[in-house]
Amino acid sequence: EMGFARDVADRVCFFDGGQIVEEGDPEQIFTAPKTERCRQFL
């Protein structure tokens, strides 16, 4: 639920393959994810 994450989370962690591959504040993760895998998932 991305709306909930944007409103409530201090930090969002994106998991893939048993690791956190990207983390940051919701605004950064949802508007400018740094990894292609995170972009694909969103």
Full PDB file with SEQRES, HELIX, SHEET, SSBOND, CRYST1, ORIGX, SCALE, CONECT and MASTER records, all heavy atoms in Angstrom:
SEQRES   1 A   42  GLU MET GLY PHE ALA ARG ASP VAL ALA ASP ARG VAL CYS          
SEQRES   2 A   42  PHE PHE ASP GLY GLY GLN ILE VAL GLU GLU GLY ASP PRO          
SEQRES   3 A   42  GLU GLN ILE PHE THR ALA PRO LYS THR GLU ARG CYS ARG          
SEQRES   4 A   42  GLN PHE LEU                                                  
HELIX    1 AA1 MET A    2  VAL A    8  1                                   7    
HELIX    2 AA2 PRO A   26  THR A   31  1                                   6    
HELIX    3 AA3 GLU A   36  PHE A   41  1                                   6    
SHEET    1 AA1 2 VAL A  12  ASP A  16  0                                        
SHEET    2 AA1 2 GLN A  19  GLY A  24 -1                                        
CRYST1    1.000    1.000    1.000  90.00  90.00  90.00 P 1           1          
ORIGX1      1.000000  0.000000  0.000000        0.00000                         
ORIGX2      0.000000  1.000000  0.000000        0.00000                         
ORIGX3      0.000000  0.000000  1.000000        0.00000                         
SCALE1      1.000000  0.000000  0.000000        0.00000                         
SCALE2      0.000000  1.000000  0.000000        0.00000                         
SCALE3      0.000000  0.000000  1.000000        0.00000                         
ATOM      1  N   GLU A   1       0.847  -1.193   0.000  1.00  0.00           N  
ATOM      2  CA  GLU A   1       0.000   0.000   0.000  1.00  0.00           C  
ATOM      3  C   GLU A   1       0.882   1.243   0.000  1.00  0.00           C  
ATOM      4  O   GLU A   1       1.337   1.725   1.030  1.00  0.00           O  
ATOM      5  CB  GLU A   1      -0.922  -0.005   1.229  1.00  0.00           C  
ATOM      6  CG  GLU A   1      -1.914  -1.149   1.266  1.00  0.00           C  
ATOM      7  CD  GLU A   1      -3.055  -0.961   0.270  1.00  0.00           C  
ATOM      8  OE1 GLU A   1      -3.203   0.158  -0.269  1.00  0.00           O  
ATOM      9  OE2 GLU A   1      -3.793  -1.937   0.031  1.00  0.00           O  
ATOM     10  N   MET A   2       1.136   1.763  -1.188  1.00  0.00           N  
ATOM     11  CA  MET A   2       2.094   2.861  -1.318  1.00  0.00           C  
ATOM     12  C   MET A   2       1.593   4.148  -0.680  1.00  0.00           C  
ATOM     13  O   MET A   2       2.381   4.933  -0.150  1.00  0.00           O  
ATOM     14  CB  MET A   2       2.416   3.101  -2.788  1.00  0.00           C  
ATOM     15  CG  MET A   2       3.244   1.990  -3.389  1.00  0.00           C  
ATOM     16  SD  MET A   2       3.945   2.517  -4.940  1.00  0.00           S  
ATOM     17  CE  MET A   2       3.562   1.113  -5.946  1.00  0.00           C  
ATOM     18  N   GLY A   3       0.278   4.380  -0.723  1.00  0.00           N  
ATOM     19  CA  GLY A   3      -0.263   5.576  -0.084  1.00  0.00           C  
ATOM     20  C   GLY A   3       0.006   5.559   1.414  1.00  0.00           C  
ATOM     21  O   GLY A   3       0.402   6.569   2.000  1.00  0.00           O  
ATOM     22  N   PHE A   4      -0.196   4.404   2.036  1.00  0.00           N  
ATOM     23  CA  PHE A   4       0.081   4.260   3.466  1.00  0.00           C  
ATOM     24  C   PHE A   4       1.570   4.497   3.740  1.00  0.00           C  
ATOM     25  O   PHE A   4       1.932   5.217   4.677  1.00  0.00           O  
ATOM     26  CB  PHE A   4      -0.317   2.854   3.937  1.00  0.00           C  
ATOM     27  CG  PHE A   4       0.092   2.549   5.350  1.00  0.00           C  
ATOM     28  CD1 PHE A   4      -0.688   2.966   6.412  1.00  0.00           C  
ATOM     29  CD2 PHE A   4       1.257   1.855   5.608  1.00  0.00           C  
ATOM     30  CE1 PHE A   4      -0.311   2.703   7.723  1.00  0.00           C  
ATOM     31  CE2 PHE A   4       1.651   1.589   6.914  1.00  0.00           C  
ATOM     32  CZ  PHE A   4       0.861   2.014   7.970  1.00  0.00           C  
ATOM     33  N   ALA A   5       2.432   3.899   2.919  1.00  0.00           N  
ATOM     34  CA  ALA A   5       3.873   4.055   3.121  1.00  0.00           C  
ATOM     35  C   ALA A   5       4.293   5.521   3.020  1.00  0.00           C  
ATOM     36  O   ALA A   5       5.085   6.019   3.824  1.00  0.00           O  
ATOM     37  CB  ALA A   5       4.638   3.213   2.104  1.00  0.00           C  
ATOM     38  N   ARG A   6       3.736   6.225   2.034  1.00  0.00           N  
ATOM     39  CA  ARG A   6       4.069   7.650   1.868  1.00  0.00           C  
ATOM     40  C   ARG A   6       3.650   8.465   3.095  1.00  0.00           C  
ATOM     41  O   ARG A   6       4.363   9.362   3.541  1.00  0.00           O  
ATOM     42  CB  ARG A   6       3.341   8.223   0.647  1.00  0.00           C  
ATOM     43  CG  ARG A   6       4.060   8.021  -0.673  1.00  0.00           C  
ATOM     44  CD  ARG A   6       3.242   8.702  -1.770  1.00  0.00           C  
ATOM     45  NE  ARG A   6       3.750   8.433  -3.090  1.00  0.00           N  
ATOM     46  CZ  ARG A   6       4.669   9.181  -3.714  1.00  0.00           C  
ATOM     47  NH1 ARG A   6       5.178  10.228  -3.108  1.00  0.00           N  
ATOM     48  NH2 ARG A   6       5.076   8.884  -4.925  1.00  0.00           N  
ATOM     49  N   ASP A   7       2.464   8.151   3.641  1.00  0.00           N  
ATOM     50  CA  ASP A   7       1.911   8.939   4.748  1.00  0.00           C  
ATOM     51  C   ASP A   7       2.555   8.632   6.088  1.00  0.00           C  
ATOM     52  O   ASP A   7       2.644   9.505   6.949  1.00  0.00           O  
ATOM     53  CB  ASP A   7       0.398   8.683   4.879  1.00  0.00           C  
ATOM     54  CG  ASP A   7      -0.390   9.259   3.715  1.00  0.00           C  
ATOM     55  OD1 ASP A   7       0.184  10.064   2.950  1.00  0.00           O  
ATOM     56  OD2 ASP A   7      -1.574   8.892   3.562  1.00  0.00           O  
ATOM     57  N   VAL A   8       2.964   7.378   6.280  1.00  0.00           N  
ATOM     58  CA  VAL A   8       3.309   6.916   7.630  1.00  0.00           C  
ATOM     59  C   VAL A   8       4.785   6.578   7.807  1.00  0.00           C  
ATOM     60  O   VAL A   8       5.365   6.829   8.864  1.00  0.00           O  
ATOM     61  CB  VAL A   8       2.439   5.682   8.001  1.00  0.00           C  
ATOM     62  CG1 VAL A   8       2.884   5.057   9.313  1.00  0.00           C  
ATOM     63  CG2 VAL A   8       0.968   6.082   8.075  1.00  0.00           C  
ATOM     64  N   ALA A   9       5.418   5.999   6.793  1.00  0.00           N  
ATOM     65  CA  ALA A   9       6.757   5.431   6.977  1.00  0.00           C  
ATOM     66  C   ALA A   9       7.820   6.513   7.160  1.00  0.00           C  
ATOM     67  O   ALA A   9       7.808   7.542   6.490  1.00  0.00           O  
ATOM     68  CB  ALA A   9       7.124   4.543   5.790  1.00  0.00           C  
ATOM     69  N   ASP A  10       8.746   6.254   8.081  1.00  0.00           N  
ATOM     70  CA  ASP A  10       9.977   7.036   8.154  1.00  0.00           C  
ATOM     71  C   ASP A  10      10.981   6.520   7.125  1.00  0.00           C  
ATOM     72  O   ASP A  10      11.816   7.272   6.634  1.00  0.00           O  
ATOM     73  CB  ASP A  10      10.606   6.903   9.552  1.00  0.00           C  
ATOM     74  CG  ASP A  10       9.686   7.419  10.641  1.00  0.00           C  
ATOM     75  OD1 ASP A  10       9.245   8.577  10.538  1.00  0.00           O  
ATOM     76  OD2 ASP A  10       9.388   6.651  11.577  1.00  0.00           O  
ATOM     77  N   ARG A  11      10.865   5.210   6.833  1.00  0.00           N  
ATOM     78  CA  ARG A  11      11.834   4.574   5.928  1.00  0.00           C  
ATOM     79  C   ARG A  11      11.145   3.443   5.191  1.00  0.00           C  
ATOM     80  O   ARG A  11      10.334   2.719   5.770  1.00  0.00           O  
ATOM     81  CB  ARG A  11      13.004   4.044   6.769  1.00  0.00           C  
ATOM     82  CG  ARG A  11      14.092   3.337   6.000  1.00  0.00           C  
ATOM     83  CD  ARG A  11      15.387   3.226   6.833  1.00  0.00           C  
ATOM     84  NE  ARG A  11      15.172   2.749   8.178  1.00  0.00           N  
ATOM     85  CZ  ARG A  11      15.589   1.546   8.628  1.00  0.00           C  
ATOM     86  NH1 ARG A  11      16.225   0.711   7.826  1.00  0.00           N  
ATOM     87  NH2 ARG A  11      15.362   1.195   9.873  1.00  0.00           N  
ATOM     88  N   VAL A  12      11.452   3.305   3.915  1.00  0.00           N  
ATOM     89  CA  VAL A  12      10.956   2.191   3.109  1.00  0.00           C  
ATOM     90  C   VAL A  12      12.158   1.348   2.691  1.00  0.00           C  
ATOM     91  O   VAL A  12      13.165   1.874   2.211  1.00  0.00           O  
ATOM     92  CB  VAL A  12      10.200   2.693   1.859  1.00  0.00           C  
ATOM     93  CG1 VAL A  12       9.799   1.516   0.964  1.00  0.00           C  
ATOM     94  CG2 VAL A  12       8.960   3.485   2.260  1.00  0.00           C  
ATOM     95  N   CYS A  13      12.037   0.027   2.887  1.00  0.00           N  
ATOM     96  CA  CYS A  13      13.101  -0.898   2.497  1.00  0.00           C  
ATOM     97  C   CYS A  13      12.570  -1.819   1.402  1.00  0.00           C  
ATOM     98  O   CYS A  13      11.524  -2.452   1.582  1.00  0.00           O  
ATOM     99  CB  CYS A  13      13.550  -1.744   3.688  1.00  0.00           C  
ATOM    100  SG  CYS A  13      14.200  -0.786   5.066  1.00  0.00           S  
ATOM    101  N   PHE A  14      13.292  -1.891   0.294  1.00  0.00           N  
ATOM    102  CA  PHE A  14      12.901  -2.757  -0.814  1.00  0.00           C  
ATOM    103  C   PHE A  14      13.748  -4.017  -0.779  1.00  0.00           C  
ATOM    104  O   PHE A  14      14.983  -3.963  -0.838  1.00  0.00           O  
ATOM    105  CB  PHE A  14      13.069  -2.042  -2.156  1.00  0.00           C  
ATOM    106  CG  PHE A  14      12.846  -2.940  -3.335  1.00  0.00           C  
ATOM    107  CD1 PHE A  14      11.586  -3.471  -3.594  1.00  0.00           C  
ATOM    108  CD2 PHE A  14      13.898  -3.294  -4.170  1.00  0.00           C  
ATOM    109  CE1 PHE A  14      11.380  -4.329  -4.665  1.00  0.00           C  
ATOM    110  CE2 PHE A  14      13.704  -4.147  -5.246  1.00  0.00           C  
ATOM    111  CZ  PHE A  14      12.443  -4.661  -5.487  1.00  0.00           C  
ATOM    112  N   PHE A  15      13.077  -5.156  -0.669  1.00  0.00           N  
ATOM    113  CA  PHE A  15      13.727  -6.465  -0.584  1.00  0.00           C  
ATOM    114  C   PHE A  15      13.776  -7.135  -1.952  1.00  0.00           C  
ATOM    115  O   PHE A  15      12.828  -7.057  -2.725  1.00  0.00           O  
ATOM    116  CB  PHE A  15      12.904  -7.398   0.320  1.00  0.00           C  
ATOM    117  CG  PHE A  15      13.187  -7.294   1.779  1.00  0.00           C  
ATOM    118  CD1 PHE A  15      12.877  -6.146   2.477  1.00  0.00           C  
ATOM    119  CD2 PHE A  15      13.752  -8.356   2.463  1.00  0.00           C  
ATOM    120  CE1 PHE A  15      13.110  -6.041   3.839  1.00  0.00           C  
ATOM    121  CE2 PHE A  15      13.991  -8.271   3.826  1.00  0.00           C  
ATOM    122  CZ  PHE A  15      13.669  -7.116   4.512  1.00  0.00           C  
ATOM    123  N   ASP A  16      14.853  -7.844  -2.187  1.00  0.00           N  
ATOM    124  CA  ASP A  16      14.914  -8.756  -3.328  1.00  0.00           C  
ATOM    125  C   ASP A  16      16.013  -9.772  -3.065  1.00  0.00           C  
ATOM    126  O   ASP A  16      17.123  -9.401  -2.648  1.00  0.00           O  
ATOM    127  CB  ASP A  16      15.191  -7.994  -4.631  1.00  0.00           C  
ATOM    128  CG  ASP A  16      14.888  -8.831  -5.871  1.00  0.00           C  
ATOM    129  OD1 ASP A  16      13.932  -9.630  -5.823  1.00  0.00           O  
ATOM    130  OD2 ASP A  16      15.603  -8.700  -6.867  1.00  0.00           O  
ATOM    131  N   GLY A  17      15.696 -11.037  -3.262  1.00  0.00           N  
ATOM    132  CA  GLY A  17      16.697 -12.092  -3.110  1.00  0.00           C  
ATOM    133  C   GLY A  17      17.310 -12.185  -1.729  1.00  0.00           C  
ATOM    134  O   GLY A  17      18.501 -12.476  -1.584  1.00  0.00           O  
ATOM    135  N   GLY A  18      16.496 -11.959  -0.684  1.00  0.00           N  
ATOM    136  CA  GLY A  18      16.989 -12.121   0.681  1.00  0.00           C  
ATOM    137  C   GLY A  18      17.861 -10.999   1.181  1.00  0.00           C  
ATOM    138  O   GLY A  18      18.530 -11.132   2.209  1.00  0.00           O  
ATOM    139  N   GLN A  19      17.845  -9.873   0.486  1.00  0.00           N  
ATOM    140  CA  GLN A  19      18.625  -8.710   0.897  1.00  0.00           C  
ATOM    141  C   GLN A  19      17.790  -7.441   0.743  1.00  0.00           C  
ATOM    142  O   GLN A  19      16.846  -7.414  -0.054  1.00  0.00           O  
ATOM    143  CB  GLN A  19      19.877  -8.562   0.014  1.00  0.00           C  
ATOM    144  CG  GLN A  19      20.903  -9.661   0.170  1.00  0.00           C  
ATOM    145  CD  GLN A  19      21.788  -9.455   1.400  1.00  0.00           C  
ATOM    146  OE1 GLN A  19      21.616  -8.499   2.141  1.00  0.00           O  
ATOM    147  NE2 GLN A  19      22.709 -10.376   1.617  1.00  0.00           N  
ATOM    148  N   ILE A  20      18.147  -6.404   1.467  1.00  0.00           N  
ATOM    149  CA  ILE A  20      17.590  -5.074   1.198  1.00  0.00           C  
ATOM    150  C   ILE A  20      18.459  -4.452   0.113  1.00  0.00           C  
ATOM    151  O   ILE A  20      19.651  -4.199   0.325  1.00  0.00           O  
ATOM    152  CB  ILE A  20      17.590  -4.196   2.459  1.00  0.00           C  
ATOM    153  CG1 ILE A  20      16.640  -4.782   3.507  1.00  0.00           C  
ATOM    154  CG2 ILE A  20      17.171  -2.765   2.121  1.00  0.00           C  
ATOM    155  CD1 ILE A  20      16.696  -4.102   4.852  1.00  0.00           C  
ATOM    156  N   VAL A  21      17.876  -4.252  -1.060  1.00  0.00           N  
ATOM    157  CA  VAL A  21      18.675  -3.741  -2.176  1.00  0.00           C  
ATOM    158  C   VAL A  21      18.548  -2.222  -2.313  1.00  0.00           C  
ATOM    159  O   VAL A  21      19.347  -1.593  -3.013  1.00  0.00           O  
ATOM    160  CB  VAL A  21      18.310  -4.429  -3.514  1.00  0.00           C  
ATOM    161  CG1 VAL A  21      18.614  -5.906  -3.453  1.00  0.00           C  
ATOM    162  CG2 VAL A  21      16.849  -4.208  -3.875  1.00  0.00           C  
ATOM    163  N   GLU A  22      17.541  -1.637  -1.657  1.00  0.00           N  
ATOM    164  CA  GLU A  22      17.431  -0.181  -1.655  1.00  0.00           C  
ATOM    165  C   GLU A  22      16.588   0.241  -0.458  1.00  0.00           C  
ATOM    166  O   GLU A  22      15.612  -0.423  -0.114  1.00  0.00           O  
ATOM    167  CB  GLU A  22      16.785   0.319  -2.950  1.00  0.00           C  
ATOM    168  CG  GLU A  22      16.755   1.829  -3.045  1.00  0.00           C  
ATOM    169  CD  GLU A  22      16.437   2.345  -4.444  1.00  0.00           C  
ATOM    170  OE1 GLU A  22      16.378   1.557  -5.402  1.00  0.00           O  
ATOM    171  OE2 GLU A  22      16.252   3.566  -4.555  1.00  0.00           O  
ATOM    172  N   GLU A  23      16.974   1.324   0.186  1.00  0.00           N  
ATOM    173  CA  GLU A  23      16.165   1.874   1.274  1.00  0.00           C  
ATOM    174  C   GLU A  23      16.313   3.383   1.305  1.00  0.00           C  
ATOM    175  O   GLU A  23      17.314   3.942   0.860  1.00  0.00           O  
ATOM    176  CB  GLU A  23      16.544   1.259   2.620  1.00  0.00           C  
ATOM    177  CG  GLU A  23      17.938   1.511   3.093  1.00  0.00           C  
ATOM    178  CD  GLU A  23      18.214   0.822   4.421  1.00  0.00           C  
ATOM    179  OE1 GLU A  23      17.473   1.081   5.397  1.00  0.00           O  
ATOM    180  OE2 GLU A  23      19.166   0.036   4.496  1.00  0.00           O  
ATOM    181  N   GLY A  24      15.292   4.045   1.835  1.00  0.00           N  
ATOM    182  CA  GLY A  24      15.331   5.498   1.920  1.00  0.00           C  
ATOM    183  C   GLY A  24      14.004   6.018   2.413  1.00  0.00           C  
ATOM    184  O   GLY A  24      13.108   5.239   2.770  1.00  0.00           O  
ATOM    185  N   ASP A  25      13.857   7.349   2.458  1.00  0.00           N  
ATOM    186  CA  ASP A  25      12.568   7.894   2.861  1.00  0.00           C  
ATOM    187  C   ASP A  25      11.567   7.673   1.725  1.00  0.00           C  
ATOM    188  O   ASP A  25      11.963   7.505   0.559  1.00  0.00           O  
ATOM    189  CB  ASP A  25      12.675   9.366   3.245  1.00  0.00           C  
ATOM    190  CG  ASP A  25      13.021  10.246   2.055  1.00  0.00           C  
ATOM    191  OD1 ASP A  25      12.152  10.466   1.195  1.00  0.00           O  
ATOM    192  OD2 ASP A  25      14.174  10.712   1.991  1.00  0.00           O  
ATOM    193  N   PRO A  26      10.259   7.644   2.043  1.00  0.00           N  
ATOM    194  CA  PRO A  26       9.261   7.278   1.032  1.00  0.00           C  
ATOM    195  C   PRO A  26       9.323   8.144  -0.232  1.00  0.00           C  
ATOM    196  O   PRO A  26       9.198   7.636  -1.342  1.00  0.00           O  
ATOM    197  CB  PRO A  26       7.925   7.465   1.765  1.00  0.00           C  
ATOM    198  CG  PRO A  26       8.252   7.339   3.202  1.00  0.00           C  
ATOM    199  CD  PRO A  26       9.639   7.856   3.370  1.00  0.00           C  
ATOM    200  N   GLU A  27       9.536   9.436  -0.055  1.00  0.00           N  
ATOM    201  CA  GLU A  27       9.549  10.330  -1.215  1.00  0.00           C  
ATOM    202  C   GLU A  27      10.647   9.923  -2.205  1.00  0.00           C  
ATOM    203  O   GLU A  27      10.429   9.861  -3.415  1.00  0.00           O  
ATOM    204  CB  GLU A  27       9.754  11.772  -0.740  1.00  0.00           C  
ATOM    205  CG  GLU A  27       9.372  12.827  -1.762  1.00  0.00           C  
ATOM    206  CD  GLU A  27       7.912  12.746  -2.202  1.00  0.00           C  
ATOM    207  OE1 GLU A  27       7.052  12.325  -1.402  1.00  0.00           O  
ATOM    208  OE2 GLU A  27       7.647  13.096  -3.368  1.00  0.00           O  
ATOM    209  N   GLN A  28      11.816   9.630  -1.665  1.00  0.00           N  
ATOM    210  CA  GLN A  28      12.930   9.241  -2.540  1.00  0.00           C  
ATOM    211  C   GLN A  28      12.663   7.904  -3.218  1.00  0.00           C  
ATOM    212  O   GLN A  28      12.855   7.748  -4.425  1.00  0.00           O  
ATOM    213  CB  GLN A  28      14.233   9.183  -1.725  1.00  0.00           C  
ATOM    214  CG  GLN A  28      15.464   8.819  -2.550  1.00  0.00           C  
ATOM    215  CD  GLN A  28      15.822   7.342  -2.424  1.00  0.00           C  
ATOM    216  OE1 GLN A  28      15.996   6.843  -1.328  1.00  0.00           O  
ATOM    217  NE2 GLN A  28      15.909   6.632  -3.541  1.00  0.00           N  
ATOM    218  N   ILE A  29      12.183   6.927  -2.451  1.00  0.00           N  
ATOM    219  CA  ILE A  29      11.954   5.591  -3.023  1.00  0.00           C  
ATOM    220  C   ILE A  29      10.889   5.638  -4.109  1.00  0.00           C  
ATOM    221  O   ILE A  29      11.041   5.036  -5.177  1.00  0.00           O  
ATOM    222  CB  ILE A  29      11.541   4.592  -1.909  1.00  0.00           C  
ATOM    223  CG1 ILE A  29      12.710   4.329  -0.962  1.00  0.00           C  
ATOM    224  CG2 ILE A  29      11.028   3.279  -2.510  1.00  0.00           C  
ATOM    225  CD1 ILE A  29      13.840   3.502  -1.509  1.00  0.00           C  
ATOM    226  N   PHE A  30       9.801   6.368  -3.864  1.00  0.00           N  
ATOM    227  CA  PHE A  30       8.684   6.340  -4.809  1.00  0.00           C  
ATOM    228  C   PHE A  30       8.860   7.280  -5.995  1.00  0.00           C  
ATOM    229  O   PHE A  30       8.283   7.050  -7.053  1.00  0.00           O  
ATOM    230  CB  PHE A  30       7.365   6.651  -4.087  1.00  0.00           C  
ATOM    231  CG  PHE A  30       6.967   5.586  -3.109  1.00  0.00           C  
ATOM    232  CD1 PHE A  30       6.554   5.913  -1.827  1.00  0.00           C  
ATOM    233  CD2 PHE A  30       7.021   4.248  -3.456  1.00  0.00           C  
ATOM    234  CE1 PHE A  30       6.190   4.931  -0.916  1.00  0.00           C  
ATOM    235  CE2 PHE A  30       6.660   3.259  -2.550  1.00  0.00           C  
ATOM    236  CZ  PHE A  30       6.251   3.596  -1.283  1.00  0.00           C  
ATOM    237  N   THR A  31       9.632   8.342  -5.830  1.00  0.00           N  
ATOM    238  CA  THR A  31       9.775   9.285  -6.948  1.00  0.00           C  
ATOM    239  C   THR A  31      11.085   9.114  -7.699  1.00  0.00           C  
ATOM    240  O   THR A  31      11.136   9.392  -8.899  1.00  0.00           O  
ATOM    241  CB  THR A  31       9.676  10.751  -6.460  1.00  0.00           C  
ATOM    242  OG1 THR A  31      10.698  10.991  -5.495  1.00  0.00           O  
ATOM    243  CG2 THR A  31       8.324  11.030  -5.847  1.00  0.00           C  
ATOM    244  N   ALA A  32      12.128   8.641  -7.014  1.00  0.00           N  
ATOM    245  CA  ALA A  32      13.423   8.507  -7.703  1.00  0.00           C  
ATOM    246  C   ALA A  32      14.188   7.292  -7.196  1.00  0.00           C  
ATOM    247  O   ALA A  32      15.288   7.410  -6.646  1.00  0.00           O  
ATOM    248  CB  ALA A  32      14.250   9.774  -7.496  1.00  0.00           C  
ATOM    249  N   PRO A  33      13.604   6.073  -7.381  1.00  0.00           N  
ATOM    250  CA  PRO A  33      14.345   4.877  -6.941  1.00  0.00           C  
ATOM    251  C   PRO A  33      15.674   4.755  -7.684  1.00  0.00           C  
ATOM    252  O   PRO A  33      15.761   5.072  -8.868  1.00  0.00           O  
ATOM    253  CB  PRO A  33      13.392   3.722  -7.285  1.00  0.00           C  
ATOM    254  CG  PRO A  33      12.455   4.275  -8.298  1.00  0.00           C  
ATOM    255  CD  PRO A  33      12.339   5.729  -8.038  1.00  0.00           C  
ATOM    256  N   LYS A  34      16.691   4.302  -6.966  1.00  0.00           N  
ATOM    257  CA  LYS A  34      18.038   4.274  -7.544  1.00  0.00           C  
ATOM    258  C   LYS A  34      18.324   2.997  -8.319  1.00  0.00           C  
ATOM    259  O   LYS A  34      19.184   2.983  -9.204  1.00  0.00           O  
ATOM    260  CB  LYS A  34      19.073   4.438  -6.422  1.00  0.00           C  
ATOM    261  CG  LYS A  34      19.023   5.814  -5.763  1.00  0.00           C  
ATOM    262  CD  LYS A  34      19.918   5.869  -4.545  1.00  0.00           C  
ATOM    263  CE  LYS A  34      19.795   7.219  -3.848  1.00  0.00           C  
ATOM    264  NZ  LYS A  34      20.472   7.232  -2.552  1.00  0.00           N  
ATOM    265  N   THR A  35      17.639   1.898  -7.985  1.00  0.00           N  
ATOM    266  CA  THR A  35      17.938   0.625  -8.646  1.00  0.00           C  
ATOM    267  C   THR A  35      16.855   0.279  -9.659  1.00  0.00           C  
ATOM    268  O   THR A  35      15.665   0.557  -9.445  1.00  0.00           O  
ATOM    269  CB  THR A  35      18.036  -0.523  -7.619  1.00  0.00           C  
ATOM    270  OG1 THR A  35      16.767  -0.681  -6.980  1.00  0.00           O  
ATOM    271  CG2 THR A  35      19.096  -0.232  -6.558  1.00  0.00           C  
ATOM    272  N   GLU A  36      17.262  -0.346 -10.742  1.00  0.00           N  
ATOM    273  CA  GLU A  36      16.308  -0.751 -11.780  1.00  0.00           C  
ATOM    274  C   GLU A  36      15.314  -1.772 -11.229  1.00  0.00           C  
ATOM    275  O   GLU A  36      14.132  -1.751 -11.571  1.00  0.00           O  
ATOM    276  CB  GLU A  36      17.056  -1.328 -12.985  1.00  0.00           C  
ATOM    277  CG  GLU A  36      16.166  -1.792 -14.128  1.00  0.00           C  
ATOM    278  CD  GLU A  36      15.235  -0.697 -14.663  1.00  0.00           C  
ATOM    279  OE1 GLU A  36      15.584   0.499 -14.587  1.00  0.00           O  
ATOM    280  OE2 GLU A  36      14.131  -1.050 -15.128  1.00  0.00           O  
ATOM    281  N   ARG A  37      15.787  -2.655 -10.349  1.00  0.00           N  
ATOM    282  CA  ARG A  37      14.901  -3.690  -9.793  1.00  0.00           C  
ATOM    283  C   ARG A  37      13.764  -3.046  -8.994  1.00  0.00           C  
ATOM    284  O   ARG A  37      12.614  -3.473  -9.073  1.00  0.00           O  
ATOM    285  CB  ARG A  37      15.715  -4.630  -8.896  1.00  0.00           C  
ATOM    286  CG  ARG A  37      14.935  -5.839  -8.407  1.00  0.00           C  
ATOM    287  CD  ARG A  37      14.596  -6.777  -9.545  1.00  0.00           C  
ATOM    288  NE  ARG A  37      13.636  -7.794  -9.121  1.00  0.00           N  
ATOM    289  CZ  ARG A  37      12.317  -7.649  -9.167  1.00  0.00           C  
ATOM    290  NH1 ARG A  37      11.782  -6.538  -9.618  1.00  0.00           N  
ATOM    291  NH2 ARG A  37      11.517  -8.631  -8.783  1.00  0.00           N  
ATOM    292  N   CYS A  38      14.070  -2.019  -8.215  1.00  0.00           N  
ATOM    293  CA  CYS A  38      13.048  -1.318  -7.442  1.00  0.00           C  
ATOM    294  C   CYS A  38      12.085  -0.593  -8.384  1.00  0.00           C  
ATOM    295  O   CYS A  38      10.864  -0.622  -8.171  1.00  0.00           O  
ATOM    296  CB  CYS A  38      13.703  -0.342  -6.476  1.00  0.00           C  
ATOM    297  SG  CYS A  38      12.547   0.429  -5.312  1.00  0.00           S  
ATOM    298  N   ARG A  39      12.614   0.035  -9.415  1.00  0.00           N  
ATOM    299  CA  ARG A  39      11.752   0.729 -10.389  1.00  0.00           C  
ATOM    300  C   ARG A  39      10.768  -0.243 -11.033  1.00  0.00           C  
ATOM    301  O   ARG A  39       9.584   0.042 -11.174  1.00  0.00           O  
ATOM    302  CB  ARG A  39      12.611   1.405 -11.475  1.00  0.00           C  
ATOM    303  CG  ARG A  39      13.232   2.716 -11.035  1.00  0.00           C  
ATOM    304  CD  ARG A  39      13.782   3.501 -12.222  1.00  0.00           C  
ATOM    305  NE  ARG A  39      14.975   2.890 -12.785  1.00  0.00           N  
ATOM    306  CZ  ARG A  39      16.209   3.111 -12.349  1.00  0.00           C  
ATOM    307  NH1 ARG A  39      16.419   3.954 -11.349  1.00  0.00           N  
ATOM    308  NH2 ARG A  39      17.238   2.525 -12.916  1.00  0.00           N  
ATOM    309  N   GLN A  40      11.261  -1.423 -11.425  1.00  0.00           N  
ATOM    310  CA  GLN A  40      10.402  -2.444 -12.051  1.00  0.00           C  
ATOM    311  C   GLN A  40       9.294  -2.863 -11.097  1.00  0.00           C  
ATOM    312  O   GLN A  40       8.134  -2.996 -11.494  1.00  0.00           O  
ATOM    313  CB  GLN A  40      11.236  -3.683 -12.429  1.00  0.00           C  
ATOM    314  CG  GLN A  40      12.158  -3.494 -13.614  1.00  0.00           C  
ATOM    315  CD  GLN A  40      13.059  -4.708 -13.801  1.00  0.00           C  
ATOM    316  OE1 GLN A  40      13.118  -5.597 -12.946  1.00  0.00           O  
ATOM    317  NE2 GLN A  40      13.768  -4.745 -14.917  1.00  0.00           N  
ATOM    318  N   PHE A  41       9.656  -3.105  -9.844  1.00  0.00           N  
ATOM    319  CA  PHE A  41       8.672  -3.555  -8.863  1.00  0.00           C  
ATOM    320  C   PHE A  41       7.585  -2.500  -8.660  1.00  0.00           C  
ATOM    321  O   PHE A  41       6.398  -2.822  -8.670  1.00  0.00           O  
ATOM    322  CB  PHE A  41       9.363  -3.864  -7.532  1.00  0.00           C  
ATOM    323  CG  PHE A  41       8.402  -4.169  -6.424  1.00  0.00           C  
ATOM    324  CD1 PHE A  41       7.767  -5.400  -6.363  1.00  0.00           C  
ATOM    325  CD2 PHE A  41       8.097  -3.217  -5.452  1.00  0.00           C  
ATOM    326  CE1 PHE A  41       6.848  -5.688  -5.354  1.00  0.00           C  
ATOM    327  CE2 PHE A  41       7.195  -3.490  -4.446  1.00  0.00           C  
ATOM    328  CZ  PHE A  41       6.569  -4.731  -4.397  1.00  0.00           C  
ATOM    329  N   LEU A  42       7.977  -1.247  -8.486  1.00  0.00           N  
ATOM    330  CA  LEU A  42       6.994  -0.183  -8.257  1.00  0.00           C  
ATOM    331  C   LEU A  42       6.086  -0.011  -9.467  1.00  0.00           C  
ATOM    332  O   LEU A  42       4.877   0.197  -9.322  1.00  0.00           O  
ATOM    333  CB  LEU A  42       7.704   1.135  -7.931  1.00  0.00           C  
ATOM    334  CG  LEU A  42       8.447   1.159  -6.588  1.00  0.00           C  
ATOM    335  CD1 LEU A  42       9.231   2.452  -6.439  1.00  0.00           C  
ATOM    336  CD2 LEU A  42       7.497   0.971  -5.418  1.00  0.00           C  
TER     337      LEU A  42                                                      
MASTER        0    0    0    3    2    0    0    6  336    1    0    4          
END                                                                             
